[in-house]
Amino acid sequence: MNNKKVVITQPSNPTENIQVKPDLSESDSLGDIILAIAVLITAIAKLVEVSVPVMKKNNK
């Protein structure tokens, strides 16, 4: 048998737990929020537009 000793070390001051939060103060305007919602609605509408004919074709 091979008896190897494994030692796992951790730094005394871990830097891996730093939380980086994005600065949303510049992009928090009402216009940007409305634009994001409009893009989301358009993407959902395009997805429905593509998937409905496929669903109708599969039901025949």
PDB file of N, CA and C in Angstrom:
ATOM      1  N   MET A   1       0.829  -1.187   0.000  1.00  0.00           N
ATOM      2  CA  MET A   1       0.000   0.000   0.000  1.00  0.00           C
ATOM      3  C   MET A   1       0.870   1.245   0.000  1.00  0.00           C
ATOM      4  N   ASN A   2       0.335   2.274  -0.568  1.00  0.00           N
ATOM      5  CA  ASN A   2       1.061   3.535  -0.656  1.00  0.00           C
ATOM      6  C   ASN A   2       0.451   4.511   0.342  1.00  0.00           C
ATOM      7  N   ASN A   3       1.161   4.837   1.388  1.00  0.00           N
ATOM      8  CA  ASN A   3       0.653   5.747   2.419  1.00  0.00           C
ATOM      9  C   ASN A   3       1.251   7.129   2.220  1.00  0.00           C
ATOM     10  N   LYS A   4       0.536   7.978   1.489  1.00  0.00           N
ATOM     11  CA  LYS A   4       0.990   9.349   1.271  1.00  0.00           C
ATOM     12  C   LYS A   4       0.178  10.277   2.155  1.00  0.00           C
ATOM     13  N   LYS A   5       0.858  11.239   2.723  1.00  0.00           N
ATOM     14  CA  LYS A   5       0.194  12.205   3.586  1.00  0.00           C
ATOM     15  C   LYS A   5      -0.151  13.443   2.760  1.00  0.00           C
ATOM     16  N   VAL A   6      -1.413  13.838   2.793  1.00  0.00           N
ATOM     17  CA  VAL A   6      -1.864  15.009   2.056  1.00  0.00           C
ATOM     18  C   VAL A   6      -2.120  16.122   3.047  1.00  0.00           C
ATOM     19  N   VAL A   7      -1.479  17.259   2.813  1.00  0.00           N
ATOM     20  CA  VAL A   7      -1.653  18.418   3.687  1.00  0.00           C
ATOM     21  C   VAL A   7      -2.306  19.524   2.876  1.00  0.00           C
ATOM     22  N   ILE A   8      -3.445  19.995   3.351  1.00  0.00           N
ATOM     23  CA  ILE A   8      -4.153  21.093   2.696  1.00  0.00           C
ATOM     24  C   ILE A   8      -3.990  22.326   3.567  1.00  0.00           C
ATOM     25  N   THR A   9      -3.425  23.357   2.985  1.00  0.00           N
ATOM     26  CA  THR A   9      -3.207  24.587   3.754  1.00  0.00           C
ATOM     27  C   THR A   9      -4.135  25.676   3.252  1.00  0.00           C
ATOM     28  N   GLN A  10      -4.541  26.531   4.143  1.00  0.00           N
ATOM     29  CA  GLN A  10      -5.374  27.674   3.810  1.00  0.00           C
ATOM     30  C   GLN A  10      -4.679  28.929   4.303  1.00  0.00           C
ATOM     31  N   PRO A  11      -4.789  30.003   3.550  1.00  0.00           N
ATOM     32  CA  PRO A  11      -4.156  31.240   4.009  1.00  0.00           C
ATOM     33  C   PRO A  11      -4.841  31.766   5.263  1.00  0.00           C
ATOM     34  N   SER A  12      -4.063  32.450   6.090  1.00  0.00           N
ATOM     35  CA  SER A  12      -4.636  32.974   7.334  1.00  0.00           C
ATOM     36  C   SER A  12      -5.618  34.105   7.063  1.00  0.00           C
ATOM     37  N   ASN A  13      -5.437  34.803   5.943  1.00  0.00           N
ATOM     38  CA  ASN A  13      -6.340  35.889   5.577  1.00  0.00           C
ATOM     39  C   ASN A  13      -6.909  35.564   4.198  1.00  0.00           C
ATOM     40  N   PRO A  14      -7.984  34.780   4.132  1.00  0.00           N
ATOM     41  CA  PRO A  14      -8.485  34.351   2.811  1.00  0.00           C
ATOM     42  C   PRO A  14      -9.038  35.524   2.009  1.00  0.00           C
ATOM     43  N   THR A  15      -8.619  35.605   0.767  1.00  0.00           N
ATOM     44  CA  THR A  15      -9.113  36.664  -0.116  1.00  0.00           C
ATOM     45  C   THR A  15     -10.161  36.132  -1.074  1.00  0.00           C
ATOM     46  N   GLU A  16     -10.464  34.842  -1.003  1.00  0.00           N
ATOM     47  CA  GLU A  16     -11.437  34.268  -1.922  1.00  0.00           C
ATOM     48  C   GLU A  16     -12.870  34.631  -1.560  1.00  0.00           C
ATOM     49  N   ASN A  17     -13.096  35.124  -0.371  1.00  0.00           N
ATOM     50  CA  ASN A  17     -14.456  35.424   0.069  1.00  0.00           C
ATOM     51  C   ASN A  17     -14.848  36.876  -0.164  1.00  0.00           C
ATOM     52  N   ILE A  18     -14.086  37.594  -0.964  1.00  0.00           N
ATOM     53  CA  ILE A  18     -14.423  38.985  -1.258  1.00  0.00           C
ATOM     54  C   ILE A  18     -15.603  38.999  -2.222  1.00  0.00           C
ATOM     55  N   GLN A  19     -16.629  39.744  -1.877  1.00  0.00           N
ATOM     56  CA  GLN A  19     -17.806  39.845  -2.732  1.00  0.00           C
ATOM     57  C   GLN A  19     -17.691  41.108  -3.572  1.00  0.00           C
ATOM     58  N   VAL A  20     -17.770  40.928  -4.876  1.00  0.00           N
ATOM     59  CA  VAL A  20     -17.704  42.057  -5.793  1.00  0.00           C
ATOM     60  C   VAL A  20     -19.119  42.372  -6.227  1.00  0.00           C
ATOM     61  N   LYS A  21     -19.558  43.569  -5.895  1.00  0.00           N
ATOM     62  CA  LYS A  21     -20.906  43.992  -6.274  1.00  0.00           C
ATOM     63  C   LYS A  21     -20.791  45.036  -7.378  1.00  0.00           C
ATOM     64  N   PRO A  22     -21.564  44.883  -8.450  1.00  0.00           N
ATOM     65  CA  PRO A  22     -21.478  45.862  -9.537  1.00  0.00           C
ATOM     66  C   PRO A  22     -22.033  47.210  -9.111  1.00  0.00           C
ATOM     67  N   ASP A  23     -21.447  48.253  -9.660  1.00  0.00           N
ATOM     68  CA  ASP A  23     -21.905  49.608  -9.372  1.00  0.00           C
ATOM     69  C   ASP A  23     -23.032  49.940 -10.339  1.00  0.00           C
ATOM     70  N   LEU A  24     -24.244  49.949  -9.839  1.00  0.00           N
ATOM     71  CA  LEU A  24     -25.410  50.174 -10.694  1.00  0.00           C
ATOM     72  C   LEU A  24     -25.895  51.614 -10.659  1.00  0.00           C
ATOM     73  N   SER A  25     -25.150  52.505 -10.051  1.00  0.00           N
ATOM     74  CA  SER A  25     -25.632  53.876  -9.902  1.00  0.00           C
ATOM     75  C   SER A  25     -25.733  54.591 -11.240  1.00  0.00           C
ATOM     76  N   GLU A  26     -24.853  54.266 -12.194  1.00  0.00           N
ATOM     77  CA  GLU A  26     -24.885  54.947 -13.479  1.00  0.00           C
ATOM     78  C   GLU A  26     -25.973  54.391 -14.393  1.00  0.00           C
ATOM     79  N   SER A  27     -26.296  53.129 -14.294  1.00  0.00           N
ATOM     80  CA  SER A  27     -27.251  52.508 -15.213  1.00  0.00           C
ATOM     81  C   SER A  27     -28.597  52.253 -14.548  1.00  0.00           C
ATOM     82  N   ASP A  28     -28.925  53.045 -13.569  1.00  0.00           N
ATOM     83  CA  ASP A  28     -30.154  52.818 -12.818  1.00  0.00           C
ATOM     84  C   ASP A  28     -31.261  53.785 -13.231  1.00  0.00           C
ATOM     85  N   SER A  29     -31.121  54.416 -14.392  1.00  0.00           N
ATOM     86  CA  SER A  29     -32.123  55.383 -14.806  1.00  0.00           C
ATOM     87  C   SER A  29     -33.372  54.669 -15.321  1.00  0.00           C
ATOM     88  N   LEU A  30     -34.462  55.380 -15.336  1.00  0.00           N
ATOM     89  CA  LEU A  30     -35.742  54.816 -15.766  1.00  0.00           C
ATOM     90  C   LEU A  30     -35.699  54.409 -17.236  1.00  0.00           C
ATOM     91  N   GLY A  31     -35.012  55.189 -18.057  1.00  0.00           N
ATOM     92  CA  GLY A  31     -34.916  54.870 -19.479  1.00  0.00           C
ATOM     93  C   GLY A  31     -34.215  53.553 -19.734  1.00  0.00           C
ATOM     94  N   ASP A  32     -33.155  53.286 -18.976  1.00  0.00           N
ATOM     95  CA  ASP A  32     -32.431  52.028 -19.141  1.00  0.00           C
ATOM     96  C   ASP A  32     -33.279  50.843 -18.705  1.00  0.00           C
ATOM     97  N   ILE A  33     -34.067  51.030 -17.659  1.00  0.00           N
ATOM     98  CA  ILE A  33     -34.935  49.950 -17.182  1.00  0.00           C
ATOM     99  C   ILE A  33     -36.021  49.654 -18.209  1.00  0.00           C
ATOM    100  N   ILE A  34     -36.616  50.700 -18.772  1.00  0.00           N
ATOM    101  CA  ILE A  34     -37.651  50.520 -19.798  1.00  0.00           C
ATOM    102  C   ILE A  34     -37.060  49.846 -21.032  1.00  0.00           C
ATOM    103  N   LEU A  35     -35.848  50.245 -21.410  1.00  0.00           N
ATOM    104  CA  LEU A  35     -35.194  49.629 -22.563  1.00  0.00           C
ATOM    105  C   LEU A  35     -34.929  48.146 -22.322  1.00  0.00           C
ATOM    106  N   ALA A  36     -34.488  47.803 -21.130  1.00  0.00           N
ATOM    107  CA  ALA A  36     -34.227  46.399 -20.811  1.00  0.00           C
ATOM    108  C   ALA A  36     -35.512  45.580 -20.845  1.00  0.00           C
ATOM    109  N   ILE A  37     -36.602  46.144 -20.327  1.00  0.00           N
ATOM    110  CA  ILE A  37     -37.890  45.441 -20.354  1.00  0.00           C
ATOM    111  C   ILE A  37     -38.373  45.264 -21.789  1.00  0.00           C
ATOM    112  N   ALA A  38     -38.187  46.290 -22.625  1.00  0.00           N
ATOM    113  CA  ALA A  38     -38.607  46.200 -24.022  1.00  0.00           C
ATOM    114  C   ALA A  38     -37.822  45.122 -24.766  1.00  0.00           C
ATOM    115  N   VAL A  39     -36.528  45.044 -24.512  1.00  0.00           N
ATOM    116  CA  VAL A  39     -35.709  44.009 -25.155  1.00  0.00           C
ATOM    117  C   VAL A  39     -36.155  42.626 -24.697  1.00  0.00           C
ATOM    118  N   LEU A  40     -36.466  42.485 -23.415  1.00  0.00           N
ATOM    119  CA  LEU A  40     -36.923  41.201 -22.891  1.00  0.00           C
ATOM    120  C   LEU A  40     -38.255  40.794 -23.514  1.00  0.00           C
ATOM    121  N   ILE A  41     -39.192  41.728 -23.621  1.00  0.00           N
ATOM    122  CA  ILE A  41     -40.497  41.430 -24.222  1.00  0.00           C
ATOM    123  C   ILE A  41     -40.331  41.052 -25.691  1.00  0.00           C
ATOM    124  N   THR A  42     -39.450  41.764 -26.405  1.00  0.00           N
ATOM    125  CA  THR A  42     -39.210  41.446 -27.814  1.00  0.00           C
ATOM    126  C   THR A  42     -38.621  40.050 -27.970  1.00  0.00           C
ATOM    127  N   ALA A  43     -37.701  39.691 -27.096  1.00  0.00           N
ATOM    128  CA  ALA A  43     -37.094  38.358 -27.171  1.00  0.00           C
ATOM    129  C   ALA A  43     -38.120  37.267 -26.906  1.00  0.00           C
ATOM    130  N   ILE A  44     -39.005  37.496 -25.939  1.00  0.00           N
ATOM    131  CA  ILE A  44     -40.052  36.510 -25.643  1.00  0.00           C
ATOM    132  C   ILE A  44     -41.021  36.402 -26.813  1.00  0.00           C
ATOM    133  N   ALA A  45     -41.369  37.544 -27.429  1.00  0.00           N
ATOM    134  CA  ALA A  45     -42.282  37.525 -28.569  1.00  0.00           C
ATOM    135  C   ALA A  45     -41.678  36.764 -29.745  1.00  0.00           C
ATOM    136  N   LYS A  46     -40.392  36.955 -29.991  1.00  0.00           N
ATOM    137  CA  LYS A  46     -39.735  36.224 -31.079  1.00  0.00           C
ATOM    138  C   LYS A  46     -39.694  34.727 -30.783  1.00  0.00           C
ATOM    139  N   LEU A  47     -39.474  34.372 -29.537  1.00  0.00           N
ATOM    140  CA  LEU A  47     -39.455  32.960 -29.159  1.00  0.00           C
ATOM    141  C   LEU A  47     -40.824  32.324 -29.370  1.00  0.00           C
ATOM    142  N   VAL A  48     -41.881  33.023 -28.996  1.00  0.00           N
ATOM    143  CA  VAL A  48     -43.238  32.506 -29.194  1.00  0.00           C
ATOM    144  C   VAL A  48     -43.549  32.416 -30.679  1.00  0.00           C
ATOM    145  N   GLU A  49     -43.117  33.412 -31.443  1.00  0.00           N
ATOM    146  CA  GLU A  49     -43.371  33.431 -32.882  1.00  0.00           C
ATOM    147  C   GLU A  49     -42.716  32.235 -33.572  1.00  0.00           C
ATOM    148  N   VAL A  50     -41.559  31.847 -33.107  1.00  0.00           N
ATOM    149  CA  VAL A  50     -40.854  30.714 -33.706  1.00  0.00           C
ATOM    150  C   VAL A  50     -41.423  29.392 -33.215  1.00  0.00           C
ATOM    151  N   SER A  51     -41.802  29.320 -31.944  1.00  0.00           N
ATOM    152  CA  SER A  51     -42.208  28.032 -31.378  1.00  0.00           C
ATOM    153  C   SER A  51     -43.650  27.660 -31.694  1.00  0.00           C
ATOM    154  N   VAL A  52     -44.535  28.613 -31.939  1.00  0.00           N
ATOM    155  CA  VAL A  52     -45.943  28.292 -32.198  1.00  0.00           C
ATOM    156  C   VAL A  52     -46.115  27.498 -33.493  1.00  0.00           C
ATOM    157  N   PRO A  53     -45.506  27.898 -34.621  1.00  0.00           N
ATOM    158  CA  PRO A  53     -45.659  27.055 -35.826  1.00  0.00           C
ATOM    159  C   PRO A  53     -45.090  25.650 -35.648  1.00  0.00           C
ATOM    160  N   VAL A  54     -44.029  25.517 -34.900  1.00  0.00           N
ATOM    161  CA  VAL A  54     -43.454  24.192 -34.662  1.00  0.00           C
ATOM    162  C   VAL A  54     -44.418  23.342 -33.851  1.00  0.00           C
ATOM    163  N   MET A  55     -45.060  23.944 -32.858  1.00  0.00           N
ATOM    164  CA  MET A  55     -46.025  23.205 -32.042  1.00  0.00           C
ATOM    165  C   MET A  55     -47.242  22.814 -32.871  1.00  0.00           C
ATOM    166  N   LYS A  56     -47.713  23.708 -33.743  1.00  0.00           N
ATOM    167  CA  LYS A  56     -48.866  23.388 -34.586  1.00  0.00           C
ATOM    168  C   LYS A  56     -48.518  22.271 -35.566  1.00  0.00           C
ATOM    169  N   LYS A  57     -47.294  22.282 -36.084  1.00  0.00           N
ATOM    170  CA  LYS A  57     -46.863  21.262 -37.037  1.00  0.00           C
ATOM    171  C   LYS A  57     -46.776  19.896 -36.364  1.00  0.00           C
ATOM    172  N   ASN A  58     -46.353  19.864 -35.110  1.00  0.00           N
ATOM    173  CA  ASN A  58     -46.229  18.597 -34.395  1.00  0.00           C
ATOM    174  C   ASN A  58     -47.583  18.023 -34.001  1.00  0.00           C
ATOM    175  N   ASN A  59     -48.619  18.849 -33.899  1.00  0.00           N
ATOM    176  CA  ASN A  59     -49.942  18.372 -33.490  1.00  0.00           C
ATOM    177  C   ASN A  59     -50.721  17.745 -34.640  1.00  0.00           C
ATOM    178  N   LYS A  60     -50.297  17.935 -35.880  1.00  0.00           N
ATOM    179  CA  LYS A  60     -51.037  17.397 -37.025  1.00  0.00           C
ATOM    180  C   LYS A  60     -50.832  15.922 -37.175  1.00  0.00           C
TER     181      LYS A  60
END
